[in-house]
Amino acid sequence: ITAAVLEDDGPQHRTVPVPIGDAGLPVRAGDRVDVWATGDPSTSTDGRAATHRVASGARVAAASDRSVVLEVTPGQVEAVAAAAATATITLAGR
C-alpha cells in the first residue's frame, strides 16, 4: 500500500481502498460495515480457509461496483490493508 491510496482523514480515521469483487454487499457512502477476510486455504496449516474479522464498524466513504473506500481507525489500517492485499474480503452490514 502506498501513500497515494491511503488518505489522511483527520487524526481519528484513515481511508483505505478495499476490493470487494462481484458478489459484494451493496453499500453506499455512510453505511457501517464489519470487514471479514478469508485467506487462501492452500496457505493454511490445516488446509481450511481461515476467516476472521479485521475491522468492526468501518464507515463506507465511497463505493463502486467492485471496491469500496473504508474509513477505519488508525489501529485498523494495517489489518485492513493486509487483508485487502492477500485475502478475499466480505463486508457484513451493521
PDB file of N, CA and C in Angstrom:
ATOM      1  N   ILE A   1       0.857  -1.173   0.000  1.00  0.00           N
ATOM      2  CA  ILE A   1       0.000   0.000   0.000  1.00  0.00           C
ATOM      3  C   ILE A   1       0.902   1.233   0.000  1.00  0.00           C
ATOM      4  N   THR A   2       0.520   2.227  -0.771  1.00  0.00           N
ATOM      5  CA  THR A   2       1.329   3.437  -0.868  1.00  0.00           C
ATOM      6  C   THR A   2       0.564   4.622  -0.291  1.00  0.00           C
ATOM      7  N   ALA A   3       1.261   5.710  -0.102  1.00  0.00           N
ATOM      8  CA  ALA A   3       0.627   6.920   0.408  1.00  0.00           C
ATOM      9  C   ALA A   3      -0.445   7.428  -0.546  1.00  0.00           C
ATOM     10  N   ALA A   4      -0.337   7.100  -1.818  1.00  0.00           N
ATOM     11  CA  ALA A   4      -1.318   7.562  -2.801  1.00  0.00           C
ATOM     12  C   ALA A   4      -2.697   6.959  -2.570  1.00  0.00           C
ATOM     13  N   VAL A   5      -2.760   5.776  -1.971  1.00  0.00           N
ATOM     14  CA  VAL A   5      -4.062   5.151  -1.755  1.00  0.00           C
ATOM     15  C   VAL A   5      -4.491   5.176  -0.291  1.00  0.00           C
ATOM     16  N   LEU A   6      -3.676   5.702   0.575  1.00  0.00           N
ATOM     17  CA  LEU A   6      -4.007   5.842   1.980  1.00  0.00           C
ATOM     18  C   LEU A   6      -4.091   7.321   2.294  1.00  0.00           C
ATOM     19  N   GLU A   7      -5.310   7.797   2.475  1.00  0.00           N
ATOM     20  CA  GLU A   7      -5.519   9.223   2.695  1.00  0.00           C
ATOM     21  C   GLU A   7      -5.689   9.499   4.183  1.00  0.00           C
ATOM     22  N   ASP A   8      -5.216  10.628   4.624  1.00  0.00           N
ATOM     23  CA  ASP A   8      -5.412  11.050   5.994  1.00  0.00           C
ATOM     24  C   ASP A   8      -6.767  11.735   6.083  1.00  0.00           C
ATOM     25  N   ASP A   9      -7.630  11.219   6.953  1.00  0.00           N
ATOM     26  CA  ASP A   9      -8.965  11.784   7.136  1.00  0.00           C
ATOM     27  C   ASP A   9      -9.101  12.309   8.558  1.00  0.00           C
ATOM     28  N   GLY A  10      -8.098  13.017   8.998  1.00  0.00           N
ATOM     29  CA  GLY A  10      -8.098  13.555  10.340  1.00  0.00           C
ATOM     30  C   GLY A  10      -7.360  12.636  11.293  1.00  0.00           C
ATOM     31  N   PRO A  11      -7.174  13.061  12.538  1.00  0.00           N
ATOM     32  CA  PRO A  11      -6.373  12.295  13.478  1.00  0.00           C
ATOM     33  C   PRO A  11      -7.035  10.991  13.931  1.00  0.00           C
ATOM     34  N   GLN A  12      -8.339  10.860  13.796  1.00  0.00           N
ATOM     35  CA  GLN A  12      -9.040   9.699  14.328  1.00  0.00           C
ATOM     36  C   GLN A  12      -9.333   8.614  13.297  1.00  0.00           C
ATOM     37  N   HIS A  13      -9.272   8.927  12.008  1.00  0.00           N
ATOM     38  CA  HIS A  13      -9.640   7.953  10.984  1.00  0.00           C
ATOM     39  C   HIS A  13      -8.721   8.028   9.773  1.00  0.00           C
ATOM     40  N   ARG A  14      -8.642   6.907   9.068  1.00  0.00           N
ATOM     41  CA  ARG A  14      -7.894   6.819   7.818  1.00  0.00           C
ATOM     42  C   ARG A  14      -8.795   6.149   6.789  1.00  0.00           C
ATOM     43  N   THR A  15      -8.595   6.448   5.526  1.00  0.00           N
ATOM     44  CA  THR A  15      -9.377   5.791   4.478  1.00  0.00           C
ATOM     45  C   THR A  15      -8.487   4.805   3.742  1.00  0.00           C
ATOM     46  N   VAL A  16      -9.045   3.624   3.485  1.00  0.00           N
ATOM     47  CA  VAL A  16      -8.315   2.536   2.854  1.00  0.00           C
ATOM     48  C   VAL A  16      -9.184   1.946   1.739  1.00  0.00           C
ATOM     49  N   PRO A  17      -8.646   1.800   0.523  1.00  0.00           N
ATOM     50  CA  PRO A  17      -9.405   1.180  -0.557  1.00  0.00           C
ATOM     51  C   PRO A  17      -9.405  -0.344  -0.389  1.00  0.00           C
ATOM     52  N   VAL A  18     -10.548  -0.961  -0.670  1.00  0.00           N
ATOM     53  CA  VAL A  18     -10.691  -2.402  -0.482  1.00  0.00           C
ATOM     54  C   VAL A  18     -11.465  -2.989  -1.667  1.00  0.00           C
ATOM     55  N   PRO A  19     -10.906  -4.015  -2.339  1.00  0.00           N
ATOM     56  CA  PRO A  19     -11.655  -4.677  -3.410  1.00  0.00           C
ATOM     57  C   PRO A  19     -12.728  -5.578  -2.805  1.00  0.00           C
ATOM     58  N   ILE A  20     -13.920  -5.600  -3.414  1.00  0.00           N
ATOM     59  CA  ILE A  20     -14.982  -6.460  -2.885  1.00  0.00           C
ATOM     60  C   ILE A  20     -15.488  -7.471  -3.905  1.00  0.00           C
ATOM     61  N   GLY A  21     -14.981  -7.436  -5.128  1.00  0.00           N
ATOM     62  CA  GLY A  21     -15.381  -8.436  -6.112  1.00  0.00           C
ATOM     63  C   GLY A  21     -16.803  -8.268  -6.596  1.00  0.00           C
ATOM     64  N   ASP A  22     -17.250  -9.263  -7.337  1.00  0.00           N
ATOM     65  CA  ASP A  22     -18.562  -9.190  -7.981  1.00  0.00           C
ATOM     66  C   ASP A  22     -19.743  -9.414  -7.047  1.00  0.00           C
ATOM     67  N   ALA A  23     -19.554 -10.177  -5.998  1.00  0.00           N
ATOM     68  CA  ALA A  23     -20.669 -10.548  -5.132  1.00  0.00           C
ATOM     69  C   ALA A  23     -20.669  -9.764  -3.832  1.00  0.00           C
ATOM     70  N   GLY A  24     -20.180  -8.552  -3.869  1.00  0.00           N
ATOM     71  CA  GLY A  24     -20.088  -7.755  -2.660  1.00  0.00           C
ATOM     72  C   GLY A  24     -21.429  -7.267  -2.164  1.00  0.00           C
ATOM     73  N   LEU A  25     -21.497  -6.991  -0.885  1.00  0.00           N
ATOM     74  CA  LEU A  25     -22.677  -6.413  -0.271  1.00  0.00           C
ATOM     75  C   LEU A  25     -22.930  -5.044  -0.887  1.00  0.00           C
ATOM     76  N   PRO A  26     -24.158  -4.771  -1.340  1.00  0.00           N
ATOM     77  CA  PRO A  26     -24.408  -3.430  -1.890  1.00  0.00           C
ATOM     78  C   PRO A  26     -24.364  -2.386  -0.768  1.00  0.00           C
ATOM     79  N   VAL A  27     -23.420  -1.483  -0.869  1.00  0.00           N
ATOM     80  CA  VAL A  27     -23.246  -0.459   0.152  1.00  0.00           C
ATOM     81  C   VAL A  27     -23.156   0.906  -0.510  1.00  0.00           C
ATOM     82  N   ARG A  28     -23.358   1.929   0.286  1.00  0.00           N
ATOM     83  CA  ARG A  28     -23.196   3.305  -0.195  1.00  0.00           C
ATOM     84  C   ARG A  28     -22.519   4.123   0.890  1.00  0.00           C
ATOM     85  N   ALA A  29     -22.043   5.269   0.510  1.00  0.00           N
ATOM     86  CA  ALA A  29     -21.335   6.139   1.449  1.00  0.00           C
ATOM     87  C   ALA A  29     -22.179   6.359   2.697  1.00  0.00           C
ATOM     88  N   GLY A  30     -21.525   6.239   3.839  1.00  0.00           N
ATOM     89  CA  GLY A  30     -22.193   6.439   5.121  1.00  0.00           C
ATOM     90  C   GLY A  30     -22.579   5.146   5.819  1.00  0.00           C
ATOM     91  N   ASP A  31     -22.681   4.041   5.073  1.00  0.00           N
ATOM     92  CA  ASP A  31     -23.012   2.751   5.688  1.00  0.00           C
ATOM     93  C   ASP A  31     -21.898   2.318   6.634  1.00  0.00           C
ATOM     94  N   ARG A  32     -22.240   1.554   7.649  1.00  0.00           N
ATOM     95  CA  ARG A  32     -21.277   0.961   8.580  1.00  0.00           C
ATOM     96  C   ARG A  32     -21.219  -0.539   8.312  1.00  0.00           C
ATOM     97  N   VAL A  33     -19.998  -1.063   8.278  1.00  0.00           N
ATOM     98  CA  VAL A  33     -19.801  -2.483   7.976  1.00  0.00           C
ATOM     99  C   VAL A  33     -18.715  -3.079   8.863  1.00  0.00           C
ATOM    100  N   ASP A  34     -18.787  -4.392   9.031  1.00  0.00           N
ATOM    101  CA  ASP A  34     -17.673  -5.146   9.581  1.00  0.00           C
ATOM    102  C   ASP A  34     -16.927  -5.726   8.390  1.00  0.00           C
ATOM    103  N   VAL A  35     -15.621  -5.831   8.489  1.00  0.00           N
ATOM    104  CA  VAL A  35     -14.779  -6.312   7.394  1.00  0.00           C
ATOM    105  C   VAL A  35     -14.203  -7.667   7.786  1.00  0.00           C
ATOM    106  N   TRP A  36     -14.511  -8.694   6.978  1.00  0.00           N
ATOM    107  CA  TRP A  36     -14.036 -10.053   7.212  1.00  0.00           C
ATOM    108  C   TRP A  36     -13.085 -10.438   6.099  1.00  0.00           C
ATOM    109  N   ALA A  37     -12.036 -11.166   6.441  1.00  0.00           N
ATOM    110  CA  ALA A  37     -11.045 -11.615   5.465  1.00  0.00           C
ATOM    111  C   ALA A  37     -10.974 -13.137   5.487  1.00  0.00           C
ATOM    112  N   THR A  38     -10.975 -13.723   4.294  1.00  0.00           N
ATOM    113  CA  THR A  38     -10.816 -15.167   4.162  1.00  0.00           C
ATOM    114  C   THR A  38      -9.539 -15.427   3.381  1.00  0.00           C
ATOM    115  N   GLY A  39      -8.597 -16.079   4.027  1.00  0.00           N
ATOM    116  CA  GLY A  39      -7.317 -16.380   3.399  1.00  0.00           C
ATOM    117  C   GLY A  39      -7.394 -17.598   2.497  1.00  0.00           C
ATOM    118  N   ASP A  40      -6.393 -17.766   1.691  1.00  0.00           N
ATOM    119  CA  ASP A  40      -6.265 -18.899   0.779  1.00  0.00           C
ATOM    120  C   ASP A  40      -6.046 -20.174   1.595  1.00  0.00           C
ATOM    121  N   PRO A  41      -6.915 -21.203   1.411  1.00  0.00           N
ATOM    122  CA  PRO A  41      -6.737 -22.424   2.198  1.00  0.00           C
ATOM    123  C   PRO A  41      -5.409 -23.137   1.933  1.00  0.00           C
ATOM    124  N   SER A  42      -4.788 -22.893   0.781  1.00  0.00           N
ATOM    125  CA  SER A  42      -3.509 -23.550   0.499  1.00  0.00           C
ATOM    126  C   SER A  42      -2.379 -23.006   1.376  1.00  0.00           C
ATOM    127  N   THR A  43      -2.589 -21.867   2.010  1.00  0.00           N
ATOM    128  CA  THR A  43      -1.572 -21.314   2.896  1.00  0.00           C
ATOM    129  C   THR A  43      -1.861 -21.621   4.363  1.00  0.00           C
ATOM    130  N   SER A  44      -2.973 -22.281   4.626  1.00  0.00           N
ATOM    131  CA  SER A  44      -3.357 -22.635   5.985  1.00  0.00           C
ATOM    132  C   SER A  44      -2.662 -23.924   6.409  1.00  0.00           C
ATOM    133  N   THR A  45      -2.347 -24.025   7.684  1.00  0.00           N
ATOM    134  CA  THR A  45      -1.681 -25.230   8.179  1.00  0.00           C
ATOM    135  C   THR A  45      -2.601 -26.441   8.195  1.00  0.00           C
ATOM    136  N   ASP A  46      -3.919 -26.221   8.310  1.00  0.00           N
ATOM    137  CA  ASP A  46      -4.844 -27.356   8.324  1.00  0.00           C
ATOM    138  C   ASP A  46      -5.618 -27.507   7.012  1.00  0.00           C
ATOM    139  N   GLY A  47      -5.295 -26.687   6.004  1.00  0.00           N
ATOM    140  CA  GLY A  47      -5.925 -26.802   4.694  1.00  0.00           C
ATOM    141  C   GLY A  47      -7.286 -26.147   4.582  1.00  0.00           C
ATOM    142  N   ARG A  48      -7.758 -25.524   5.646  1.00  0.00           N
ATOM    143  CA  ARG A  48      -9.062 -24.856   5.602  1.00  0.00           C
ATOM    144  C   ARG A  48      -8.864 -23.349   5.490  1.00  0.00           C
ATOM    145  N   ALA A  49      -9.824 -22.707   4.836  1.00  0.00           N
ATOM    146  CA  ALA A  49      -9.768 -21.249   4.728  1.00  0.00           C
ATOM    147  C   ALA A  49      -9.975 -20.637   6.112  1.00  0.00           C
ATOM    148  N   ALA A  50      -9.120 -19.720   6.471  1.00  0.00           N
ATOM    149  CA  ALA A  50      -9.234 -19.035   7.758  1.00  0.00           C
ATOM    150  C   ALA A  50      -9.945 -17.708   7.543  1.00  0.00           C
ATOM    151  N   THR A  51     -11.092 -17.556   8.182  1.00  0.00           N
ATOM    152  CA  THR A  51     -11.857 -16.315   8.087  1.00  0.00           C
ATOM    153  C   THR A  51     -11.832 -15.623   9.438  1.00  0.00           C
ATOM    154  N   HIS A  52     -11.534 -14.326   9.411  1.00  0.00           N
ATOM    155  CA  HIS A  52     -11.522 -13.560  10.646  1.00  0.00           C
ATOM    156  C   HIS A  52     -11.905 -12.118  10.368  1.00  0.00           C
ATOM    157  N   ARG A  53     -12.427 -11.464  11.401  1.00  0.00           N
ATOM    158  CA  ARG A  53     -12.819 -10.053  11.276  1.00  0.00           C
ATOM    159  C   ARG A  53     -11.579  -9.197  11.429  1.00  0.00           C
ATOM    160  N   VAL A  54     -11.387  -8.263  10.478  1.00  0.00           N
ATOM    161  CA  VAL A  54     -10.226  -7.372  10.544  1.00  0.00           C
ATOM    162  C   VAL A  54     -10.606  -5.952  10.941  1.00  0.00           C
ATOM    163  N   ALA A  55     -11.902  -5.619  10.868  1.00  0.00           N
ATOM    164  CA  ALA A  55     -12.353  -4.297  11.317  1.00  0.00           C
ATOM    165  C   ALA A  55     -13.835  -4.371  11.661  1.00  0.00           C
ATOM    166  N   SER A  56     -14.209  -3.620  12.645  1.00  0.00           N
ATOM    167  CA  SER A  56     -15.599  -3.564  13.074  1.00  0.00           C
ATOM    168  C   SER A  56     -16.075  -2.122  13.015  1.00  0.00           C
ATOM    169  N   GLY A  57     -17.246  -1.905  12.459  1.00  0.00           N
ATOM    170  CA  GLY A  57     -17.825  -0.566  12.423  1.00  0.00           C
ATOM    171  C   GLY A  57     -17.168   0.399  11.463  1.00  0.00           C
ATOM    172  N   ALA A  58     -16.528  -0.131  10.413  1.00  0.00           N
ATOM    173  CA  ALA A  58     -15.900   0.744   9.417  1.00  0.00           C
ATOM    174  C   ALA A  58     -16.997   1.515   8.670  1.00  0.00           C
ATOM    175  N   ARG A  59     -16.732   2.778   8.362  1.00  0.00           N
ATOM    176  CA  ARG A  59     -17.692   3.583   7.608  1.00  0.00           C
ATOM    177  C   ARG A  59     -17.303   3.577   6.140  1.00  0.00           C
ATOM    178  N   VAL A  60     -18.281   3.337   5.274  1.00  0.00           N
ATOM    179  CA  VAL A  60     -18.043   3.387   3.833  1.00  0.00           C
ATOM    180  C   VAL A  60     -17.934   4.862   3.436  1.00  0.00           C
ATOM    181  N   ALA A  61     -16.770   5.255   2.932  1.00  0.00           N
ATOM    182  CA  ALA A  61     -16.560   6.632   2.480  1.00  0.00           C
ATOM    183  C   ALA A  61     -16.964   6.793   1.027  1.00  0.00           C
ATOM    184  N   ALA A  62     -16.776   5.742   0.220  1.00  0.00           N
ATOM    185  CA  ALA A  62     -17.154   5.749  -1.198  1.00  0.00           C
ATOM    186  C   ALA A  62     -17.300   4.300  -1.640  1.00  0.00           C
ATOM    187  N   ALA A  63     -18.130   4.088  -2.654  1.00  0.00           N
ATOM    188  CA  ALA A  63     -18.342   2.723  -3.143  1.00  0.00           C
ATOM    189  C   ALA A  63     -18.516   2.728  -4.650  1.00  0.00           C
ATOM    190  N   SER A  64     -18.003   1.668  -5.280  1.00  0.00           N
ATOM    191  CA  SER A  64     -18.233   1.428  -6.706  1.00  0.00           C
ATOM    192  C   SER A  64     -18.632  -0.036  -6.848  1.00  0.00           C
ATOM    193  N   ASP A  65     -18.736  -0.509  -8.076  1.00  0.00           N
ATOM    194  CA  ASP A  65     -19.189  -1.883  -8.298  1.00  0.00           C
ATOM    195  C   ASP A  65     -18.276  -2.939  -7.684  1.00  0.00           C
ATOM    196  N   ARG A  66     -16.974  -2.730  -7.708  1.00  0.00           N
ATOM    197  CA  ARG A  66     -16.039  -3.774  -7.271  1.00  0.00           C
ATOM    198  C   ARG A  66     -15.104  -3.368  -6.149  1.00  0.00           C
ATOM    199  N   SER A  67     -15.309  -2.175  -5.596  1.00  0.00           N
ATOM    200  CA  SER A  67     -14.445  -1.746  -4.499  1.00  0.00           C
ATOM    201  C   SER A  67     -15.151  -0.724  -3.621  1.00  0.00           C
ATOM    202  N   VAL A  68     -14.607  -0.562  -2.435  1.00  0.00           N
ATOM    203  CA  VAL A  68     -15.091   0.465  -1.516  1.00  0.00           C
ATOM    204  C   VAL A  68     -13.880   1.178  -0.922  1.00  0.00           C
ATOM    205  N   VAL A  69     -14.100   2.367  -0.458  1.00  0.00           N
ATOM    206  CA  VAL A  69     -13.112   3.070   0.348  1.00  0.00           C
ATOM    207  C   VAL A  69     -13.710   3.103   1.749  1.00  0.00           C
ATOM    208  N   LEU A  70     -12.973   2.522   2.693  1.00  0.00           N
ATOM    209  CA  LEU A  70     -13.462   2.425   4.060  1.00  0.00           C
ATOM    210  C   LEU A  70     -12.717   3.382   4.973  1.00  0.00           C
ATOM    211  N   GLU A  71     -13.447   4.001   5.874  1.00  0.00           N
ATOM    212  CA  GLU A  71     -12.861   4.848   6.907  1.00  0.00           C
ATOM    213  C   GLU A  71     -12.712   3.990   8.156  1.00  0.00           C
ATOM    214  N   VAL A  72     -11.473   3.824   8.602  1.00  0.00           N
ATOM    215  CA  VAL A  72     -11.175   2.980   9.759  1.00  0.00           C
ATOM    216  C   VAL A  72     -10.310   3.744  10.745  1.00  0.00           C
ATOM    217  N   THR A  73     -10.172   3.199  11.926  1.00  0.00           N
ATOM    218  CA  THR A  73      -9.305   3.828  12.920  1.00  0.00           C
ATOM    219  C   THR A  73      -7.849   3.566  12.538  1.00  0.00           C
ATOM    220  N   PRO A  74      -6.929   4.382  13.010  1.00  0.00           N
ATOM    221  CA  PRO A  74      -5.519   4.133  12.711  1.00  0.00           C
ATOM    222  C   PRO A  74      -5.053   2.728  13.109  1.00  0.00           C
ATOM    223  N   GLY A  75      -5.598   2.182  14.188  1.00  0.00           N
ATOM    224  CA  GLY A  75      -5.219   0.855  14.634  1.00  0.00           C
ATOM    225  C   GLY A  75      -5.721  -0.267  13.736  1.00  0.00           C
ATOM    226  N   GLN A  76      -6.714   0.019  12.871  1.00  0.00           N
ATOM    227  CA  GLN A  76      -7.261  -0.984  11.964  1.00  0.00           C
ATOM    228  C   GLN A  76      -6.613  -0.953  10.584  1.00  0.00           C
ATOM    229  N   VAL A  77      -5.873   0.096  10.280  1.00  0.00           N
ATOM    230  CA  VAL A  77      -5.322   0.276   8.932  1.00  0.00           C
ATOM    231  C   VAL A  77      -4.479  -0.910   8.490  1.00  0.00           C
ATOM    232  N   GLU A  78      -3.534  -1.346   9.315  1.00  0.00           N
ATOM    233  CA  GLU A  78      -2.633  -2.414   8.902  1.00  0.00           C
ATOM    234  C   GLU A  78      -3.390  -3.704   8.589  1.00  0.00           C
ATOM    235  N   ALA A  79      -4.327  -4.095   9.443  1.00  0.00           N
ATOM    236  CA  ALA A  79      -5.072  -5.339   9.222  1.00  0.00           C
ATOM    237  C   ALA A  79      -5.949  -5.249   7.978  1.00  0.00           C
ATOM    238  N   VAL A  80      -6.607  -4.107   7.766  1.00  0.00           N
ATOM    239  CA  VAL A  80      -7.469  -3.950   6.594  1.00  0.00           C
ATOM    240  C   VAL A  80      -6.630  -3.923   5.316  1.00  0.00           C
ATOM    241  N   ALA A  81      -5.526  -3.190   5.326  1.00  0.00           N
ATOM    242  CA  ALA A  81      -4.667  -3.120   4.141  1.00  0.00           C
ATOM    243  C   ALA A  81      -4.076  -4.481   3.803  1.00  0.00           C
ATOM    244  N   ALA A  82      -3.615  -5.213   4.820  1.00  0.00           N
ATOM    245  CA  ALA A  82      -3.054  -6.552   4.581  1.00  0.00           C
ATOM    246  C   ALA A  82      -4.117  -7.492   4.038  1.00  0.00           C
ATOM    247  N   ALA A  83      -5.296  -7.452   4.598  1.00  0.00           N
ATOM    248  CA  ALA A  83      -6.385  -8.306   4.120  1.00  0.00           C
ATOM    249  C   ALA A  83      -6.764  -7.955   2.690  1.00  0.00           C
ATOM    250  N   ALA A  84      -6.810  -6.669   2.377  1.00  0.00           N
ATOM    251  CA  ALA A  84      -7.161  -6.245   1.017  1.00  0.00           C
ATOM    252  C   ALA A  84      -6.157  -6.761  -0.006  1.00  0.00           C
ATOM    253  N   ALA A  85      -4.893  -6.904   0.411  1.00  0.00           N
ATOM    254  CA  ALA A  85      -3.841  -7.352  -0.497  1.00  0.00           C
ATOM    255  C   ALA A  85      -3.709  -8.864  -0.579  1.00  0.00           C
ATOM    256  N   THR A  86      -4.181  -9.591   0.451  1.00  0.00           N
ATOM    257  CA  THR A  86      -3.884 -11.025   0.498  1.00  0.00           C
ATOM    258  C   THR A  86      -5.088 -11.941   0.662  1.00  0.00           C
ATOM    259  N   ALA A  87      -6.268 -11.401   0.882  1.00  0.00           N
ATOM    260  CA  ALA A  87      -7.422 -12.245   1.202  1.00  0.00           C
ATOM    261  C   ALA A  87      -8.643 -11.824   0.391  1.00  0.00           C
ATOM    262  N   THR A  88      -9.665 -12.663   0.445  1.00  0.00           N
ATOM    263  CA  THR A  88     -10.968 -12.308  -0.106  1.00  0.00           C
ATOM    264  C   THR A  88     -11.723 -11.565   0.985  1.00  0.00           C
ATOM    265  N   ILE A  89     -12.236 -10.386   0.645  1.00  0.00           N
ATOM    266  CA  ILE A  89     -12.918  -9.534   1.620  1.00  0.00           C
ATOM    267  C   ILE A  89     -14.428  -9.733   1.528  1.00  0.00           C
ATOM    268  N   THR A  90     -15.057  -9.843   2.697  1.00  0.00           N
ATOM    269  CA  THR A  90     -16.517  -9.880   2.796  1.00  0.00           C
ATOM    270  C   THR A  90     -16.935  -8.767   3.729  1.00  0.00           C
ATOM    271  N   LEU A  91     -17.897  -7.959   3.310  1.00  0.00           N
ATOM    272  CA  LEU A  91     -18.439  -6.919   4.151  1.00  0.00           C
ATOM    273  C   LEU A  91     -19.745  -7.428   4.752  1.00  0.00           C
ATOM    274  N   ALA A  92     -19.900  -7.204   6.038  1.00  0.00           N
ATOM    275  CA  ALA A  92     -21.141  -7.567   6.731  1.00  0.00           C
ATOM    276  C   ALA A  92     -21.793  -6.289   7.219  1.00  0.00           C
ATOM    277  N   GLY A  93     -23.051  -6.060   6.827  1.00  0.00           N
ATOM    278  CA  GLY A  93     -23.759  -4.852   7.214  1.00  0.00           C
ATOM    279  C   GLY A  93     -24.013  -4.802   8.702  1.00  0.00           C
ATOM    280  N   ARG A  94     -24.098  -3.571   9.231  1.00  0.00           N
ATOM    281  CA  ARG A  94     -24.349  -3.393  10.667  1.00  0.00           C
ATOM    282  C   ARG A  94     -25.667  -2.710  10.851  1.00  0.00           C
TER     283      ARG A  94
END
